[in-house]
All heavy atoms as atom14 arrays in JSON, in Angstrom:
{
  "sequence": "AVSKSSPATVWFPSSPNRTYTLWRASRLDPSDWTVVPGQEAIPGNGD",
  "atom14_mask": [
    [1, 1, 1, 1, 1, 0, 0, 0, 0, 0, 0, 0, 0, 0],
    [1, 1, 1, 1, 1, 1, 1, 0, 0, 0, 0, 0, 0, 0],
    [1, 1, 1, 1, 1, 1, 0, 0, 0, 0, 0, 0, 0, 0],
    [1, 1, 1, 1, 1, 1, 1, 1, 1, 0, 0, 0, 0, 0],
    [1, 1, 1, 1, 1, 1, 0, 0, 0, 0, 0, 0, 0, 0],
    [1, 1, 1, 1, 1, 1, 0, 0, 0, 0, 0, 0, 0, 0],
    [1, 1, 1, 1, 1, 1, 1, 0, 0, 0, 0, 0, 0, 0],
    [1, 1, 1, 1, 1, 0, 0, 0, 0, 0, 0, 0, 0, 0],
    [1, 1, 1, 1, 1, 1, 1, 0, 0, 0, 0, 0, 0, 0],
    [1, 1, 1, 1, 1, 1, 1, 0, 0, 0, 0, 0, 0, 0],
    [1, 1, 1, 1, 1, 1, 1, 1, 1, 1, 1, 1, 1, 1],
    [1, 1, 1, 1, 1, 1, 1, 1, 1, 1, 1, 0, 0, 0],
    [1, 1, 1, 1, 1, 1, 1, 0, 0, 0, 0, 0, 0, 0],
    [1, 1, 1, 1, 1, 1, 0, 0, 0, 0, 0, 0, 0, 0],
    [1, 1, 1, 1, 1, 1, 0, 0, 0, 0, 0, 0, 0, 0],
    [1, 1, 1, 1, 1, 1, 1, 0, 0, 0, 0, 0, 0, 0],
    [1, 1, 1, 1, 1, 1, 1, 1, 0, 0, 0, 0, 0, 0],
    [1, 1, 1, 1, 1, 1, 1, 1, 1, 1, 1, 0, 0, 0],
    [1, 1, 1, 1, 1, 1, 1, 0, 0, 0, 0, 0, 0, 0],
    [1, 1, 1, 1, 1, 1, 1, 1, 1, 1, 1, 1, 0, 0],
    [1, 1, 1, 1, 1, 1, 1, 0, 0, 0, 0, 0, 0, 0],
    [1, 1, 1, 1, 1, 1, 1, 1, 0, 0, 0, 0, 0, 0],
    [1, 1, 1, 1, 1, 1, 1, 1, 1, 1, 1, 1, 1, 1],
    [1, 1, 1, 1, 1, 1, 1, 1, 1, 1, 1, 0, 0, 0],
    [1, 1, 1, 1, 1, 0, 0, 0, 0, 0, 0, 0, 0, 0],
    [1, 1, 1, 1, 1, 1, 0, 0, 0, 0, 0, 0, 0, 0],
    [1, 1, 1, 1, 1, 1, 1, 1, 1, 1, 1, 0, 0, 0],
    [1, 1, 1, 1, 1, 1, 1, 1, 0, 0, 0, 0, 0, 0],
    [1, 1, 1, 1, 1, 1, 1, 1, 0, 0, 0, 0, 0, 0],
    [1, 1, 1, 1, 1, 1, 1, 0, 0, 0, 0, 0, 0, 0],
    [1, 1, 1, 1, 1, 1, 0, 0, 0, 0, 0, 0, 0, 0],
    [1, 1, 1, 1, 1, 1, 1, 1, 0, 0, 0, 0, 0, 0],
    [1, 1, 1, 1, 1, 1, 1, 1, 1, 1, 1, 1, 1, 1],
    [1, 1, 1, 1, 1, 1, 1, 0, 0, 0, 0, 0, 0, 0],
    [1, 1, 1, 1, 1, 1, 1, 0, 0, 0, 0, 0, 0, 0],
    [1, 1, 1, 1, 1, 1, 1, 0, 0, 0, 0, 0, 0, 0],
    [1, 1, 1, 1, 1, 1, 1, 0, 0, 0, 0, 0, 0, 0],
    [1, 1, 1, 1, 0, 0, 0, 0, 0, 0, 0, 0, 0, 0],
    [1, 1, 1, 1, 1, 1, 1, 1, 1, 0, 0, 0, 0, 0],
    [1, 1, 1, 1, 1, 1, 1, 1, 1, 0, 0, 0, 0, 0],
    [1, 1, 1, 1, 1, 0, 0, 0, 0, 0, 0, 0, 0, 0],
    [1, 1, 1, 1, 1, 1, 1, 1, 0, 0, 0, 0, 0, 0],
    [1, 1, 1, 1, 1, 1, 1, 0, 0, 0, 0, 0, 0, 0],
    [1, 1, 1, 1, 0, 0, 0, 0, 0, 0, 0, 0, 0, 0],
    [1, 1, 1, 1, 1, 1, 1, 1, 0, 0, 0, 0, 0, 0],
    [1, 1, 1, 1, 0, 0, 0, 0, 0, 0, 0, 0, 0, 0],
    [1, 1, 1, 1, 1, 1, 1, 1, 0, 0, 0, 0, 0, 0]
  ],
  "atom14_positions": [
    [[53.0, 279.16, 51.58], [54.42, 279.2, 51.35], [55.08, 279.97, 52.48], [54.47, 280.77, 53.16], [54.72, 279.9, 50.02], [0.0, 0.0, 0.0], [0.0, 0.0, 0.0], [0.0, 0.0, 0.0], [0.0, 0.0, 0.0], [0.0, 0.0, 0.0], [0.0, 0.0, 0.0], [0.0, 0.0, 0.0], [0.0, 0.0, 0.0], [0.0, 0.0, 0.0]],
    [[56.36, 279.65, 52.69], [57.2, 280.31, 53.68], [58.54, 280.6, 53.08], [59.16, 279.75, 52.41], [57.42, 279.39, 54.94], [58.31, 280.05, 55.95], [56.12, 278.99, 55.56], [0.0, 0.0, 0.0], [0.0, 0.0, 0.0], [0.0, 0.0, 0.0], [0.0, 0.0, 0.0], [0.0, 0.0, 0.0], [0.0, 0.0, 0.0], [0.0, 0.0, 0.0]],
    [[59.0, 281.83, 53.29], [60.36, 282.25, 52.83], [61.29, 282.14, 54.03], [61.01, 282.7, 55.09], [60.31, 283.69, 52.31], [61.64, 284.18, 52.23], [0.0, 0.0, 0.0], [0.0, 0.0, 0.0], [0.0, 0.0, 0.0], [0.0, 0.0, 0.0], [0.0, 0.0, 0.0], [0.0, 0.0, 0.0], [0.0, 0.0, 0.0], [0.0, 0.0, 0.0]],
    [[62.4, 281.47, 53.83], [63.39, 281.33, 54.93], [64.38, 282.49, 54.91], [65.16, 282.62, 55.85], [64.08, 280.0, 54.83], [63.13, 278.82, 55.03], [63.88, 277.54, 54.91], [62.93, 276.38, 55.03], [63.57, 275.06, 54.83], [0.0, 0.0, 0.0], [0.0, 0.0, 0.0], [0.0, 0.0, 0.0], [0.0, 0.0, 0.0], [0.0, 0.0, 0.0]],
    [[64.42, 283.24, 53.84], [65.39, 284.34, 53.78], [64.83, 285.51, 54.54], [63.67, 285.56, 54.96], [65.66, 284.71, 52.34], [64.47, 285.16, 51.71], [0.0, 0.0, 0.0], [0.0, 0.0, 0.0], [0.0, 0.0, 0.0], [0.0, 0.0, 0.0], [0.0, 0.0, 0.0], [0.0, 0.0, 0.0], [0.0, 0.0, 0.0], [0.0, 0.0, 0.0]],
    [[65.69, 286.47, 54.78], [65.24, 287.7, 55.56], [64.61, 288.73, 54.6], [65.2, 289.01, 53.59], [66.46, 288.27, 56.26], [66.05, 289.33, 57.09], [0.0, 0.0, 0.0], [0.0, 0.0, 0.0], [0.0, 0.0, 0.0], [0.0, 0.0, 0.0], [0.0, 0.0, 0.0], [0.0, 0.0, 0.0], [0.0, 0.0, 0.0], [0.0, 0.0, 0.0]],
    [[63.46, 289.23, 54.91], [62.63, 288.9, 56.06], [61.89, 287.6, 55.87], [61.45, 287.26, 54.75], [61.67, 290.06, 56.14], [61.47, 290.51, 54.73], [62.82, 290.28, 54.07], [0.0, 0.0, 0.0], [0.0, 0.0, 0.0], [0.0, 0.0, 0.0], [0.0, 0.0, 0.0], [0.0, 0.0, 0.0], [0.0, 0.0, 0.0], [0.0, 0.0, 0.0]],
    [[61.72, 286.82, 56.95], [60.9, 285.62, 56.89], [59.47, 286.0, 56.59], [58.93, 286.88, 57.24], [61.02, 284.87, 58.19], [0.0, 0.0, 0.0], [0.0, 0.0, 0.0], [0.0, 0.0, 0.0], [0.0, 0.0, 0.0], [0.0, 0.0, 0.0], [0.0, 0.0, 0.0], [0.0, 0.0, 0.0], [0.0, 0.0, 0.0], [0.0, 0.0, 0.0]],
    [[58.88, 285.37, 55.56], [57.54, 285.73, 55.14], [56.68, 284.48, 55.0], [57.17, 283.45, 54.58], [57.62, 286.46, 53.76], [58.48, 287.57, 53.9], [56.23, 286.92, 53.32], [0.0, 0.0, 0.0], [0.0, 0.0, 0.0], [0.0, 0.0, 0.0], [0.0, 0.0, 0.0], [0.0, 0.0, 0.0], [0.0, 0.0, 0.0], [0.0, 0.0, 0.0]],
    [[55.4, 284.63, 55.39], [54.45, 283.56, 55.2], [53.31, 284.06, 54.31], [52.95, 285.23, 54.38], [53.85, 283.02, 56.53], [54.9, 282.34, 57.38], [53.18, 284.15, 57.31], [0.0, 0.0, 0.0], [0.0, 0.0, 0.0], [0.0, 0.0, 0.0], [0.0, 0.0, 0.0], [0.0, 0.0, 0.0], [0.0, 0.0, 0.0], [0.0, 0.0, 0.0]],
    [[52.84, 283.2, 53.4], [51.75, 283.5, 52.51], [50.61, 282.55, 52.77], [50.82, 281.37, 53.03], [52.2, 283.29, 51.03], [53.12, 284.33, 50.55], [52.8, 285.48, 49.85], [54.56, 284.33, 50.57], [53.93, 286.18, 49.53], [55.03, 285.47, 49.97], [55.48, 283.42, 51.11], [56.39, 285.78, 49.85], [56.82, 283.69, 51.02], [57.25, 284.88, 50.37]],
    [[49.38, 283.06, 52.77], [48.21, 282.25, 53.08], [46.99, 282.91, 52.44], [46.96, 284.1, 52.21], [48.02, 282.14, 54.57], [48.01, 283.48, 55.3], [46.81, 284.16, 55.51], [49.19, 284.06, 55.75], [46.82, 285.37, 56.14], [49.18, 285.27, 56.35], [47.99, 285.95, 56.56], [0.0, 0.0, 0.0], [0.0, 0.0, 0.0], [0.0, 0.0, 0.0]],
    [[45.96, 282.11, 52.14], [44.7, 282.65, 51.64], [44.0, 283.41, 52.78], [43.96, 282.98, 53.9], [43.87, 281.46, 51.19], [44.46, 280.29, 51.93], [45.88, 280.62, 52.22], [0.0, 0.0, 0.0], [0.0, 0.0, 0.0], [0.0, 0.0, 0.0], [0.0, 0.0, 0.0], [0.0, 0.0, 0.0], [0.0, 0.0, 0.0], [0.0, 0.0, 0.0]],
    [[43.51, 284.6, 52.45], [42.84, 285.43, 53.47], [41.37, 285.67, 53.16], [40.97, 285.5, 52.02], [43.59, 286.75, 53.62], [43.38, 287.55, 52.44], [0.0, 0.0, 0.0], [0.0, 0.0, 0.0], [0.0, 0.0, 0.0], [0.0, 0.0, 0.0], [0.0, 0.0, 0.0], [0.0, 0.0, 0.0], [0.0, 0.0, 0.0], [0.0, 0.0, 0.0]],
    [[40.66, 286.12, 54.12], [39.27, 286.5, 53.98], [39.12, 287.99, 54.16], [39.72, 288.55, 55.11], [38.38, 285.77, 55.02], [37.13, 286.32, 55.05], [0.0, 0.0, 0.0], [0.0, 0.0, 0.0], [0.0, 0.0, 0.0], [0.0, 0.0, 0.0], [0.0, 0.0, 0.0], [0.0, 0.0, 0.0], [0.0, 0.0, 0.0], [0.0, 0.0, 0.0]],
    [[38.33, 288.67, 53.32], [38.12, 290.09, 53.57], [37.31, 290.35, 54.82], [37.24, 291.53, 55.27], [37.33, 290.54, 52.32], [36.66, 289.3, 51.8], [37.58, 288.16, 52.17], [0.0, 0.0, 0.0], [0.0, 0.0, 0.0], [0.0, 0.0, 0.0], [0.0, 0.0, 0.0], [0.0, 0.0, 0.0], [0.0, 0.0, 0.0], [0.0, 0.0, 0.0]],
    [[36.78, 289.28, 55.46], [35.98, 289.43, 56.68], [36.81, 289.14, 57.96], [36.2, 289.01, 59.01], [34.84, 288.47, 56.62], [33.95, 288.7, 55.4], [33.67, 289.83, 55.04], [33.61, 287.62, 54.72], [0.0, 0.0, 0.0], [0.0, 0.0, 0.0], [0.0, 0.0, 0.0], [0.0, 0.0, 0.0], [0.0, 0.0, 0.0], [0.0, 0.0, 0.0]],
    [[38.1, 289.02, 57.82], [38.96, 288.68, 59.0], [40.21, 289.55, 58.95], [40.61, 290.13, 57.97], [39.38, 287.21, 58.94], [38.21, 286.25, 59.01], [37.48, 286.33, 60.37], [36.44, 285.32, 60.43], [35.15, 285.54, 60.22], [34.76, 286.71, 59.77], [34.25, 284.57, 60.38], [0.0, 0.0, 0.0], [0.0, 0.0, 0.0], [0.0, 0.0, 0.0]],
    [[40.89, 289.59, 60.14], [42.2, 290.26, 60.26], [43.23, 289.16, 60.67], [42.84, 288.13, 61.21], [42.2, 291.39, 61.27], [41.91, 290.9, 62.58], [41.21, 292.51, 60.89], [0.0, 0.0, 0.0], [0.0, 0.0, 0.0], [0.0, 0.0, 0.0], [0.0, 0.0, 0.0], [0.0, 0.0, 0.0], [0.0, 0.0, 0.0], [0.0, 0.0, 0.0]],
    [[44.45, 289.47, 60.42], [45.56, 288.51, 60.65], [46.7, 289.14, 61.37], [47.07, 290.29, 61.1], [45.99, 287.93, 59.28], [44.89, 287.26, 58.54], [44.05, 288.03, 57.72], [44.59, 285.92, 58.71], [42.98, 287.43, 57.05], [43.53, 285.32, 58.06], [42.75, 286.07, 57.24], [41.67, 285.5, 56.6], [0.0, 0.0, 0.0], [0.0, 0.0, 0.0]],
    [[47.25, 288.41, 62.31], [48.39, 288.87, 63.13], [49.49, 287.86, 63.04], [49.25, 286.65, 63.22], [47.96, 289.11, 64.58], [46.97, 290.13, 64.6], [49.13, 289.53, 65.41], [0.0, 0.0, 0.0], [0.0, 0.0, 0.0], [0.0, 0.0, 0.0], [0.0, 0.0, 0.0], [0.0, 0.0, 0.0], [0.0, 0.0, 0.0], [0.0, 0.0, 0.0]],
    [[50.74, 288.31, 62.82], [51.86, 287.4, 62.81], [52.55, 287.45, 64.15], [52.86, 288.51, 64.69], [52.87, 287.87, 61.7], [54.03, 286.96, 61.48], [53.61, 285.59, 61.0], [55.03, 287.57, 60.47], [0.0, 0.0, 0.0], [0.0, 0.0, 0.0], [0.0, 0.0, 0.0], [0.0, 0.0, 0.0], [0.0, 0.0, 0.0], [0.0, 0.0, 0.0]],
    [[52.8, 286.28, 64.71], [53.54, 286.1, 65.95], [54.89, 285.4, 65.66], [54.99, 284.63, 64.72], [52.75, 285.22, 66.89], [51.5, 285.81, 67.41], [50.29, 286.05, 66.73], [51.24, 286.32, 68.71], [49.36, 286.62, 67.53], [49.9, 286.77, 68.77], [52.02, 286.36, 69.86], [49.34, 287.3, 69.9], [51.46, 286.93, 71.01], [50.12, 287.38, 71.02]],
    [[55.89, 285.66, 66.51], [57.14, 284.96, 66.36], [57.73, 284.59, 67.73], [57.37, 285.16, 68.77], [58.15, 285.83, 65.6], [58.7, 286.99, 66.4], [59.75, 287.72, 65.61], [60.02, 289.06, 66.25], [60.16, 290.14, 65.59], [60.08, 290.16, 64.25], [60.39, 291.28, 66.2], [0.0, 0.0, 0.0], [0.0, 0.0, 0.0], [0.0, 0.0, 0.0]],
    [[58.57, 283.59, 67.69], [59.25, 283.13, 68.92], [60.57, 282.5, 68.53], [60.73, 281.98, 67.46], [58.4, 282.1, 69.67], [0.0, 0.0, 0.0], [0.0, 0.0, 0.0], [0.0, 0.0, 0.0], [0.0, 0.0, 0.0], [0.0, 0.0, 0.0], [0.0, 0.0, 0.0], [0.0, 0.0, 0.0], [0.0, 0.0, 0.0], [0.0, 0.0, 0.0]],
    [[61.54, 282.59, 69.45], [62.84, 281.98, 69.18], [62.86, 280.53, 69.65], [63.77, 279.77, 69.29], [63.96, 282.78, 69.84], [63.74, 282.81, 71.23], [0.0, 0.0, 0.0], [0.0, 0.0, 0.0], [0.0, 0.0, 0.0], [0.0, 0.0, 0.0], [0.0, 0.0, 0.0], [0.0, 0.0, 0.0], [0.0, 0.0, 0.0], [0.0, 0.0, 0.0]],
    [[61.86, 280.13, 70.42], [61.72, 278.77, 70.91], [60.23, 278.51, 71.1], [59.46, 279.44, 71.22], [62.51, 278.49, 72.13], [62.22, 279.42, 73.24], [63.27, 279.4, 74.36], [63.02, 280.43, 75.33], [62.41, 280.28, 76.51], [62.05, 279.06, 76.87], [62.19, 281.27, 77.3], [0.0, 0.0, 0.0], [0.0, 0.0, 0.0], [0.0, 0.0, 0.0]],
    [[59.87, 277.23, 71.09], [58.45, 276.88, 71.25], [58.01, 276.81, 72.69], [57.61, 275.79, 73.26], [58.19, 275.53, 70.54], [58.31, 275.57, 69.04], [58.12, 274.19, 68.44], [57.32, 276.53, 68.44], [0.0, 0.0, 0.0], [0.0, 0.0, 0.0], [0.0, 0.0, 0.0], [0.0, 0.0, 0.0], [0.0, 0.0, 0.0], [0.0, 0.0, 0.0]],
    [[58.11, 277.94, 73.35], [57.71, 278.12, 74.74], [56.55, 279.09, 74.74], [56.62, 280.16, 74.11], [58.85, 278.64, 75.54], [58.51, 278.8, 77.01], [57.4, 279.28, 77.34], [59.37, 278.46, 77.85], [0.0, 0.0, 0.0], [0.0, 0.0, 0.0], [0.0, 0.0, 0.0], [0.0, 0.0, 0.0], [0.0, 0.0, 0.0], [0.0, 0.0, 0.0]],
    [[55.4, 278.76, 75.33], [54.23, 279.65, 75.32], [54.55, 281.09, 75.76], [53.97, 282.03, 75.22], [53.22, 279.02, 76.25], [53.6, 277.57, 76.25], [55.11, 277.54, 76.1], [0.0, 0.0, 0.0], [0.0, 0.0, 0.0], [0.0, 0.0, 0.0], [0.0, 0.0, 0.0], [0.0, 0.0, 0.0], [0.0, 0.0, 0.0], [0.0, 0.0, 0.0]],
    [[55.52, 281.28, 76.67], [55.79, 282.65, 77.16], [56.73, 283.39, 76.2], [56.95, 284.59, 76.37], [56.44, 282.55, 78.5], [57.73, 281.89, 78.41], [0.0, 0.0, 0.0], [0.0, 0.0, 0.0], [0.0, 0.0, 0.0], [0.0, 0.0, 0.0], [0.0, 0.0, 0.0], [0.0, 0.0, 0.0], [0.0, 0.0, 0.0], [0.0, 0.0, 0.0]],
    [[57.22, 282.74, 75.17], [58.2, 283.37, 74.25], [57.54, 284.07, 73.05], [58.19, 284.8, 72.33], [59.19, 282.28, 73.77], [60.49, 282.88, 73.26], [60.96, 283.9, 73.84], [61.01, 282.35, 72.24], [0.0, 0.0, 0.0], [0.0, 0.0, 0.0], [0.0, 0.0, 0.0], [0.0, 0.0, 0.0], [0.0, 0.0, 0.0], [0.0, 0.0, 0.0]],
    [[56.25, 283.82, 72.78], [55.63, 284.37, 71.59], [55.33, 285.86, 71.75], [54.83, 286.31, 72.76], [54.31, 283.63, 71.3], [54.55, 282.22, 70.84], [54.52, 281.1, 71.58], [54.82, 281.82, 69.5], [54.76, 280.02, 70.81], [54.96, 280.41, 69.5], [54.97, 282.52, 68.3], [55.22, 279.69, 68.35], [55.25, 281.75, 67.16], [55.39, 280.38, 67.21]],
    [[55.68, 286.63, 70.7], [55.39, 288.05, 70.66], [54.83, 288.42, 69.31], [55.17, 287.79, 68.28], [56.66, 288.92, 70.93], [57.64, 288.6, 69.96], [57.2, 288.66, 72.32], [0.0, 0.0, 0.0], [0.0, 0.0, 0.0], [0.0, 0.0, 0.0], [0.0, 0.0, 0.0], [0.0, 0.0, 0.0], [0.0, 0.0, 0.0], [0.0, 0.0, 0.0]],
    [[54.02, 289.46, 69.29], [53.48, 289.94, 68.02], [54.6, 290.67, 67.28], [55.4, 291.41, 67.82], [52.34, 290.94, 68.29], [51.88, 291.64, 67.01], [51.15, 290.22, 68.91], [0.0, 0.0, 0.0], [0.0, 0.0, 0.0], [0.0, 0.0, 0.0], [0.0, 0.0, 0.0], [0.0, 0.0, 0.0], [0.0, 0.0, 0.0], [0.0, 0.0, 0.0]],
    [[54.68, 290.41, 65.95], [55.64, 291.1, 65.12], [55.21, 292.51, 64.91], [54.07, 292.74, 64.44], [55.83, 290.36, 63.74], [56.76, 291.12, 62.84], [56.3, 288.92, 63.97], [0.0, 0.0, 0.0], [0.0, 0.0, 0.0], [0.0, 0.0, 0.0], [0.0, 0.0, 0.0], [0.0, 0.0, 0.0], [0.0, 0.0, 0.0], [0.0, 0.0, 0.0]],
    [[55.99, 293.52, 65.25], [55.59, 294.92, 65.09], [55.17, 295.2, 63.65], [55.86, 294.81, 62.7], [56.84, 295.72, 65.5], [57.6, 294.78, 66.38], [57.36, 293.4, 65.82], [0.0, 0.0, 0.0], [0.0, 0.0, 0.0], [0.0, 0.0, 0.0], [0.0, 0.0, 0.0], [0.0, 0.0, 0.0], [0.0, 0.0, 0.0], [0.0, 0.0, 0.0]],
    [[54.05, 295.9, 63.51], [53.56, 296.28, 62.19], [52.81, 295.17, 61.49], [52.34, 295.4, 60.36], [0.0, 0.0, 0.0], [0.0, 0.0, 0.0], [0.0, 0.0, 0.0], [0.0, 0.0, 0.0], [0.0, 0.0, 0.0], [0.0, 0.0, 0.0], [0.0, 0.0, 0.0], [0.0, 0.0, 0.0], [0.0, 0.0, 0.0], [0.0, 0.0, 0.0]],
    [[52.68, 294.01, 62.11], [52.04, 292.87, 61.48], [50.84, 292.41, 62.33], [50.56, 291.23, 62.43], [53.02, 291.73, 61.31], [54.21, 292.09, 60.42], [53.79, 292.36, 58.96], [53.55, 291.47, 58.21], [53.72, 293.64, 58.63], [0.0, 0.0, 0.0], [0.0, 0.0, 0.0], [0.0, 0.0, 0.0], [0.0, 0.0, 0.0], [0.0, 0.0, 0.0]],
    [[50.13, 293.37, 62.92], [49.04, 293.08, 63.81], [47.7, 293.59, 63.24], [47.64, 294.73, 62.74], [49.26, 293.72, 65.17], [48.19, 293.38, 66.18], [48.58, 293.92, 67.56], [49.52, 294.69, 67.69], [47.88, 293.56, 68.52], [0.0, 0.0, 0.0], [0.0, 0.0, 0.0], [0.0, 0.0, 0.0], [0.0, 0.0, 0.0], [0.0, 0.0, 0.0]],
    [[46.7, 292.76, 63.26], [45.32, 293.09, 62.81], [45.36, 293.61, 61.39], [44.7, 294.58, 61.03], [44.67, 294.11, 63.75], [0.0, 0.0, 0.0], [0.0, 0.0, 0.0], [0.0, 0.0, 0.0], [0.0, 0.0, 0.0], [0.0, 0.0, 0.0], [0.0, 0.0, 0.0], [0.0, 0.0, 0.0], [0.0, 0.0, 0.0], [0.0, 0.0, 0.0]],
    [[46.04, 292.91, 60.47], [46.14, 293.25, 59.09], [44.87, 292.73, 58.4], [44.57, 291.53, 58.47], [47.39, 292.6, 58.42], [48.66, 293.02, 59.17], [47.46, 293.02, 56.92], [48.96, 294.48, 59.23], [0.0, 0.0, 0.0], [0.0, 0.0, 0.0], [0.0, 0.0, 0.0], [0.0, 0.0, 0.0], [0.0, 0.0, 0.0], [0.0, 0.0, 0.0]],
    [[44.09, 293.6, 57.73], [42.9, 293.15, 57.09], [43.14, 292.2, 55.94], [44.1, 292.38, 55.18], [42.26, 294.45, 56.53], [42.97, 295.55, 57.26], [44.29, 295.03, 57.61], [0.0, 0.0, 0.0], [0.0, 0.0, 0.0], [0.0, 0.0, 0.0], [0.0, 0.0, 0.0], [0.0, 0.0, 0.0], [0.0, 0.0, 0.0], [0.0, 0.0, 0.0]],
    [[42.3, 291.17, 55.84], [42.41, 290.21, 54.74], [41.91, 290.88, 53.47], [41.18, 291.88, 53.51], [0.0, 0.0, 0.0], [0.0, 0.0, 0.0], [0.0, 0.0, 0.0], [0.0, 0.0, 0.0], [0.0, 0.0, 0.0], [0.0, 0.0, 0.0], [0.0, 0.0, 0.0], [0.0, 0.0, 0.0], [0.0, 0.0, 0.0], [0.0, 0.0, 0.0]],
    [[42.35, 290.36, 52.31], [42.02, 290.98, 51.04], [41.2, 290.0, 50.11], [40.94, 290.33, 48.97], [43.27, 291.47, 50.32], [44.26, 290.33, 50.06], [43.95, 289.15, 50.13], [45.48, 290.7, 49.71], [0.0, 0.0, 0.0], [0.0, 0.0, 0.0], [0.0, 0.0, 0.0], [0.0, 0.0, 0.0], [0.0, 0.0, 0.0], [0.0, 0.0, 0.0]],
    [[40.89, 288.82, 50.65], [40.14, 287.86, 49.82], [41.04, 287.11, 48.86], [40.56, 286.35, 48.01], [0.0, 0.0, 0.0], [0.0, 0.0, 0.0], [0.0, 0.0, 0.0], [0.0, 0.0, 0.0], [0.0, 0.0, 0.0], [0.0, 0.0, 0.0], [0.0, 0.0, 0.0], [0.0, 0.0, 0.0], [0.0, 0.0, 0.0], [0.0, 0.0, 0.0]],
    [[42.32, 287.31, 48.94], [43.31, 286.68, 48.07], [44.48, 286.24, 48.95], [44.42, 286.32, 50.19], [43.74, 287.72, 47.01], [44.34, 287.03, 45.78], [44.48, 285.82, 45.76], [44.72, 287.75, 44.86], [0.0, 0.0, 0.0], [0.0, 0.0, 0.0], [0.0, 0.0, 0.0], [0.0, 0.0, 0.0], [0.0, 0.0, 0.0], [0.0, 0.0, 0.0]]
  ]
}
């Protein structure tokens, strides 16, 4: 799922054996992508 309201949020199944990082961009240009502060290397919870 994706929430379009602020803050924009994405939901996905995670693995407790992996970490997840959210990236954002204002346009689909490879040089435009940046890591969302505070949303880097978040441990999965198996849910």
